[in-house]
Amino acid sequence: MDSHNKHARLPGRLVMLGFGSIGQAVVPLLFRHFELEPSQVTVVSRGPDQSGIAEEYGIAYEATPLQEGNLESILDPLLQKGDFLLNLSVDVSSLDLIRYCWRRGILYSTPAPNRGKVFTTTSNCRCRGARITRCARQCWPSASTNATARRPWSRKAPIRAWLPCW
């Protein structure tokens, strides 16, 4: 029996996008700290699980890369209202995933939101939908080059208010 305290129970399914070093490290932590059955967890990653961790924990693994246009066809069979999507992938648009989850009532989390290369959005900005850090440098040069310059945004304002392309 596991001697660790369980901090929460996940009643629905958990889908993890990406299974690189972070995803592989998160799996043992999920089972250690959450009341969770292996049948509730599915990993979607672009390549096969070469680490053997998914098999060791008995979780489903799909080696299917997300590409522009296949987001719904891959995630719809795996997620429904109340489930949880954990994005640990690289170069998959957080904004598109947030929109997808919000429209369906799915919980969403990611350690580092990114614009991603997989999905594109229309942009009026000079950065043409670049990652947010590059956009901040290109669209608001005074904010990134001069630490004492007045910032064009408020920390409390939504991201859309201070980066025109977001």
C-alpha atoms as a PDB file:
ATOM      1  CA  MET A   1       0.000   0.000   0.000  1.00  0.00           C
ATOM      2  CA  ASP A   2       1.203   3.497  -0.809  1.00  0.00           C
ATOM      3  CA  SER A   3       2.332   5.354   2.309  1.00  0.00           C
ATOM      4  CA  HIS A   4       2.057   8.811   0.713  1.00  0.00           C
ATOM      5  CA  ASN A   5      -0.860  11.108   1.465  1.00  0.00           C
ATOM      6  CA  LYS A   6      -3.312  11.494  -1.386  1.00  0.00           C
ATOM      7  CA  HIS A   7      -4.112  15.169  -1.840  1.00  0.00           C
ATOM      8  CA  ALA A   8      -6.971  14.955  -4.320  1.00  0.00           C
ATOM      9  CA  ARG A   9      -9.133  12.567  -6.279  1.00  0.00           C
ATOM     10  CA  LEU A  10      -9.529  12.879 -10.017  1.00  0.00           C
ATOM     11  CA  PRO A  11     -13.042  11.643 -10.790  1.00  0.00           C
ATOM     12  CA  GLY A  12     -12.668  11.736 -14.590  1.00  0.00           C
ATOM     13  CA  ARG A  13      -9.993  11.007 -17.101  1.00  0.00           C
ATOM     14  CA  LEU A  14      -6.568  12.631 -17.338  1.00  0.00           C
ATOM     15  CA  VAL A  15      -4.951  13.103 -20.739  1.00  0.00           C
ATOM     16  CA  MET A  16      -1.301  14.134 -20.848  1.00  0.00           C
ATOM     17  CA  LEU A  17       0.025  15.729 -24.018  1.00  0.00           C
ATOM     18  CA  GLY A  18       3.728  15.061 -24.400  1.00  0.00           C
ATOM     19  CA  PHE A  19       5.904  12.442 -22.772  1.00  0.00           C
ATOM     20  CA  GLY A  20       9.387  13.888 -22.727  1.00  0.00           C
ATOM     21  CA  SER A  21      11.485  14.175 -19.592  1.00  0.00           C
ATOM     22  CA  ILE A  22       8.843  16.216 -17.755  1.00  0.00           C
ATOM     23  CA  GLY A  23       5.990  13.893 -18.673  1.00  0.00           C
ATOM     24  CA  GLN A  24       7.983  10.847 -17.622  1.00  0.00           C
ATOM     25  CA  ALA A  25       8.790  12.484 -14.275  1.00  0.00           C
ATOM     26  CA  VAL A  26       5.184  13.575 -13.674  1.00  0.00           C
ATOM     27  CA  VAL A  27       3.619  10.111 -14.003  1.00  0.00           C
ATOM     28  CA  PRO A  28       5.007   8.694 -10.730  1.00  0.00           C
ATOM     29  CA  LEU A  29       4.069  11.923  -8.947  1.00  0.00           C
ATOM     30  CA  LEU A  30       0.490  11.738 -10.197  1.00  0.00           C
ATOM     31  CA  PHE A  31       0.025   8.255  -8.789  1.00  0.00           C
ATOM     32  CA  ARG A  32       1.808   9.163  -5.565  1.00  0.00           C
ATOM     33  CA  HIS A  33      -0.261  12.251  -4.769  1.00  0.00           C
ATOM     34  CA  PHE A  34      -3.661  11.683  -6.431  1.00  0.00           C
ATOM     35  CA  GLU A  35      -6.295   9.010  -6.043  1.00  0.00           C
ATOM     36  CA  LEU A  36      -6.015   7.790  -9.594  1.00  0.00           C
ATOM     37  CA  GLU A  37      -6.351   4.494 -11.451  1.00  0.00           C
ATOM     38  CA  PRO A  38      -4.141   3.669 -14.448  1.00  0.00           C
ATOM     39  CA  SER A  39      -7.268   3.243 -16.581  1.00  0.00           C
ATOM     40  CA  GLN A  40      -8.028   6.955 -16.078  1.00  0.00           C
ATOM     41  CA  VAL A  41      -4.741   8.133 -17.634  1.00  0.00           C
ATOM     42  CA  THR A  42      -3.862   8.416 -21.324  1.00  0.00           C
ATOM     43  CA  VAL A  43      -0.697   9.873 -22.800  1.00  0.00           C
ATOM     44  CA  VAL A  44      -0.707  11.376 -26.281  1.00  0.00           C
ATOM     45  CA  SER A  45       2.762  11.986 -27.678  1.00  0.00           C
ATOM     46  CA  ARG A  46       4.314  12.318 -31.092  1.00  0.00           C
ATOM     47  CA  GLY A  47       6.563   9.260 -30.754  1.00  0.00           C
ATOM     48  CA  PRO A  48       6.621   5.875 -29.009  1.00  0.00           C
ATOM     49  CA  ASP A  49       7.365   5.525 -25.309  1.00  0.00           C
ATOM     50  CA  GLN A  50      10.991   4.416 -25.313  1.00  0.00           C
ATOM     51  CA  SER A  51      11.325   4.780 -21.542  1.00  0.00           C
ATOM     52  CA  GLY A  52       8.835   2.030 -20.674  1.00  0.00           C
ATOM     53  CA  ILE A  53       7.284   4.216 -17.949  1.00  0.00           C
ATOM     54  CA  ALA A  54       3.783   4.188 -19.460  1.00  0.00           C
ATOM     55  CA  GLU A  55       3.823   0.392 -19.615  1.00  0.00           C
ATOM     56  CA  GLU A  56       5.273   0.149 -16.104  1.00  0.00           C
ATOM     57  CA  TYR A  57       2.372   2.187 -14.684  1.00  0.00           C
ATOM     58  CA  GLY A  58      -0.224   0.538 -16.925  1.00  0.00           C
ATOM     59  CA  ILE A  59      -1.411   3.717 -18.617  1.00  0.00           C
ATOM     60  CA  ALA A  60      -2.668   3.999 -22.183  1.00  0.00           C
ATOM     61  CA  TYR A  61      -0.224   5.493 -24.652  1.00  0.00           C
ATOM     62  CA  GLU A  62      -1.002   6.891 -28.105  1.00  0.00           C
ATOM     63  CA  ALA A  63       1.885   7.778 -30.397  1.00  0.00           C
ATOM     64  CA  THR A  64      -0.060  10.280 -32.476  1.00  0.00           C
ATOM     65  CA  PRO A  65       1.381  13.726 -33.226  1.00  0.00           C
ATOM     66  CA  LEU A  66      -0.991  16.668 -32.966  1.00  0.00           C
ATOM     67  CA  GLN A  67      -1.028  18.564 -36.223  1.00  0.00           C
ATOM     68  CA  GLU A  68      -2.989  21.499 -37.494  1.00  0.00           C
ATOM     69  CA  GLY A  69      -6.505  20.251 -38.115  1.00  0.00           C
ATOM     70  CA  ASN A  70      -6.448  17.002 -36.104  1.00  0.00           C
ATOM     71  CA  LEU A  71      -6.875  18.383 -32.564  1.00  0.00           C
ATOM     72  CA  GLU A  72     -10.560  17.437 -32.296  1.00  0.00           C
ATOM     73  CA  SER A  73     -10.196  14.054 -33.971  1.00  0.00           C
ATOM     74  CA  ILE A  74      -7.492  13.023 -31.503  1.00  0.00           C
ATOM     75  CA  LEU A  75      -8.817  14.553 -28.280  1.00  0.00           C
ATOM     76  CA  ASP A  76     -12.608  14.185 -28.671  1.00  0.00           C
ATOM     77  CA  PRO A  77     -12.608  10.393 -28.102  1.00  0.00           C
ATOM     78  CA  LEU A  78     -10.371  10.812 -25.027  1.00  0.00           C
ATOM     79  CA  LEU A  79     -11.954  13.750 -23.196  1.00  0.00           C
ATOM     80  CA  GLN A  80     -15.383  14.830 -22.071  1.00  0.00           C
ATOM     81  CA  LYS A  81     -16.793  17.479 -19.765  1.00  0.00           C
ATOM     82  CA  GLY A  82     -15.071  17.422 -16.354  1.00  0.00           C
ATOM     83  CA  ASP A  83     -11.957  15.575 -17.542  1.00  0.00           C
ATOM     84  CA  PHE A  84      -8.447  17.055 -17.248  1.00  0.00           C
ATOM     85  CA  LEU A  85      -5.960  17.885 -20.013  1.00  0.00           C
ATOM     86  CA  LEU A  86      -2.357  18.332 -18.876  1.00  0.00           C
ATOM     87  CA  ASN A  87      -0.242  19.886 -21.625  1.00  0.00           C
ATOM     88  CA  LEU A  88       3.430  18.955 -21.239  1.00  0.00           C
ATOM     89  CA  SER A  89       4.185  19.178 -24.939  1.00  0.00           C
ATOM     90  CA  VAL A  90       6.424  21.486 -26.894  1.00  0.00           C
ATOM     91  CA  ASP A  91       5.320  23.455 -29.943  1.00  0.00           C
ATOM     92  CA  VAL A  92       1.601  22.847 -29.469  1.00  0.00           C
ATOM     93  CA  SER A  93      -0.408  26.031 -29.124  1.00  0.00           C
ATOM     94  CA  SER A  94      -1.608  26.561 -25.563  1.00  0.00           C
ATOM     95  CA  LEU A  95      -4.153  29.073 -26.807  1.00  0.00           C
ATOM     96  CA  ASP A  96      -5.775  26.541 -29.146  1.00  0.00           C
ATOM     97  CA  LEU A  97      -5.854  23.938 -26.368  1.00  0.00           C
ATOM     98  CA  ILE A  98      -7.356  26.421 -23.907  1.00  0.00           C
ATOM     99  CA  ARG A  99     -10.083  27.274 -26.413  1.00  0.00           C
ATOM    100  CA  TYR A 100     -10.723  23.587 -27.063  1.00  0.00           C
ATOM    101  CA  CYS A 101     -11.058  22.815 -23.337  1.00  0.00           C
ATOM    102  CA  TRP A 102     -13.096  25.898 -22.501  1.00  0.00           C
ATOM    103  CA  ARG A 103     -15.706  25.097 -25.155  1.00  0.00           C
ATOM    104  CA  ARG A 104     -16.108  21.556 -23.818  1.00  0.00           C
ATOM    105  CA  GLY A 105     -15.904  22.108 -20.045  1.00  0.00           C
ATOM    106  CA  ILE A 106     -12.561  20.318 -19.748  1.00  0.00           C
ATOM    107  CA  LEU A 107     -10.034  21.333 -17.094  1.00  0.00           C
ATOM    108  CA  TYR A 108      -6.667  22.448 -18.466  1.00  0.00           C
ATOM    109  CA  SER A 109      -3.192  23.063 -17.112  1.00  0.00           C
ATOM    110  CA  THR A 110       0.285  23.586 -18.506  1.00  0.00           C
ATOM    111  CA  PRO A 111       3.548  24.475 -16.783  1.00  0.00           C
ATOM    112  CA  ALA A 112       4.638  26.847 -19.553  1.00  0.00           C
ATOM    113  CA  PRO A 113       2.103  28.271 -22.001  1.00  0.00           C
ATOM    114  CA  ASN A 114       3.438  28.718 -25.514  1.00  0.00           C
ATOM    115  CA  ARG A 115       2.183  29.835 -28.867  1.00  0.00           C
ATOM    116  CA  GLY A 116       3.464  26.683 -30.514  1.00  0.00           C
ATOM    117  CA  LYS A 117       4.394  25.939 -34.101  1.00  0.00           C
ATOM    118  CA  VAL A 118       1.672  23.397 -34.730  1.00  0.00           C
ATOM    119  CA  PHE A 119      -1.266  25.786 -34.952  1.00  0.00           C
ATOM    120  CA  THR A 120      -1.331  29.219 -36.481  1.00  0.00           C
ATOM    121  CA  THR A 121      -3.486  32.218 -35.693  1.00  0.00           C
ATOM    122  CA  THR A 122      -4.128  35.413 -37.577  1.00  0.00           C
ATOM    123  CA  SER A 123      -1.999  38.184 -36.195  1.00  0.00           C
ATOM    124  CA  ASN A 124      -1.870  41.932 -36.694  1.00  0.00           C
ATOM    125  CA  CYS A 125       1.398  41.985 -34.825  1.00  0.00           C
ATOM    126  CA  ARG A 126       4.927  42.298 -36.201  1.00  0.00           C
ATOM    127  CA  CYS A 127       5.885  38.996 -34.612  1.00  0.00           C
ATOM    128  CA  ARG A 128       3.324  37.074 -36.710  1.00  0.00           C
ATOM    129  CA  GLY A 129       2.311  34.754 -33.889  1.00  0.00           C
ATOM    130  CA  ALA A 130       5.777  34.056 -32.475  1.00  0.00           C
ATOM    131  CA  ARG A 131       6.292  32.693 -28.993  1.00  0.00           C
ATOM    132  CA  ILE A 132       5.237  35.167 -26.367  1.00  0.00           C
ATOM    133  CA  THR A 133       8.760  36.071 -25.215  1.00  0.00           C
ATOM    134  CA  ARG A 134       9.834  36.916 -28.741  1.00  0.00           C
ATOM    135  CA  CYS A 135       6.601  38.832 -29.263  1.00  0.00           C
ATOM    136  CA  ALA A 136       7.280  40.901 -26.159  1.00  0.00           C
ATOM    137  CA  ARG A 137      10.724  41.795 -27.509  1.00  0.00           C
ATOM    138  CA  GLN A 138       9.478  42.625 -31.018  1.00  0.00           C
ATOM    139  CA  CYS A 139       6.187  44.324 -30.240  1.00  0.00           C
ATOM    140  CA  TRP A 140       7.214  46.141 -27.077  1.00  0.00           C
ATOM    141  CA  PRO A 141      10.978  46.718 -27.435  1.00  0.00           C
ATOM    142  CA  SER A 142      11.101  49.303 -24.641  1.00  0.00           C
ATOM    143  CA  ALA A 143       9.748  46.719 -22.212  1.00  0.00           C
ATOM    144  CA  SER A 144      12.493  44.206 -22.894  1.00  0.00           C
ATOM    145  CA  THR A 145      15.504  46.456 -23.503  1.00  0.00           C
ATOM    146  CA  ASN A 146      15.091  49.067 -20.784  1.00  0.00           C
ATOM    147  CA  ALA A 147      14.283  47.797 -17.314  1.00  0.00           C
ATOM    148  CA  THR A 148      13.302  51.275 -16.145  1.00  0.00           C
ATOM    149  CA  ALA A 149      11.018  51.973 -19.107  1.00  0.00           C
ATOM    150  CA  ARG A 150       7.331  52.278 -18.387  1.00  0.00           C
ATOM    151  CA  ARG A 151       5.698  48.975 -19.194  1.00  0.00           C
ATOM    152  CA  PRO A 152       2.834  49.167 -21.688  1.00  0.00           C
ATOM    153  CA  TRP A 153       0.822  46.625 -19.717  1.00  0.00           C
ATOM    154  CA  SER A 154      -0.526  46.018 -16.266  1.00  0.00           C
ATOM    155  CA  ARG A 155       0.372  42.815 -14.453  1.00  0.00           C
ATOM    156  CA  LYS A 156      -3.313  42.438 -13.600  1.00  0.00           C
ATOM    157  CA  ALA A 157      -4.514  42.951 -17.161  1.00  0.00           C
ATOM    158  CA  PRO A 158      -5.297  39.905 -19.290  1.00  0.00           C
ATOM    159  CA  ILE A 159      -2.572  38.992 -21.734  1.00  0.00           C
ATOM    160  CA  ARG A 160      -4.726  40.135 -24.663  1.00  0.00           C
ATOM    161  CA  ALA A 161      -4.670  43.675 -23.243  1.00  0.00           C
ATOM    162  CA  TRP A 162      -0.910  44.069 -23.461  1.00  0.00           C
ATOM    163  CA  LEU A 163       0.209  41.938 -26.392  1.00  0.00           C
ATOM    164  CA  PRO A 164      -1.747  42.906 -29.487  1.00  0.00           C
ATOM    165  CA  CYS A 165      -1.219  39.589 -31.273  1.00  0.00           C
ATOM    166  CA  TRP A 166      -2.419  37.344 -28.428  1.00  0.00           C
END
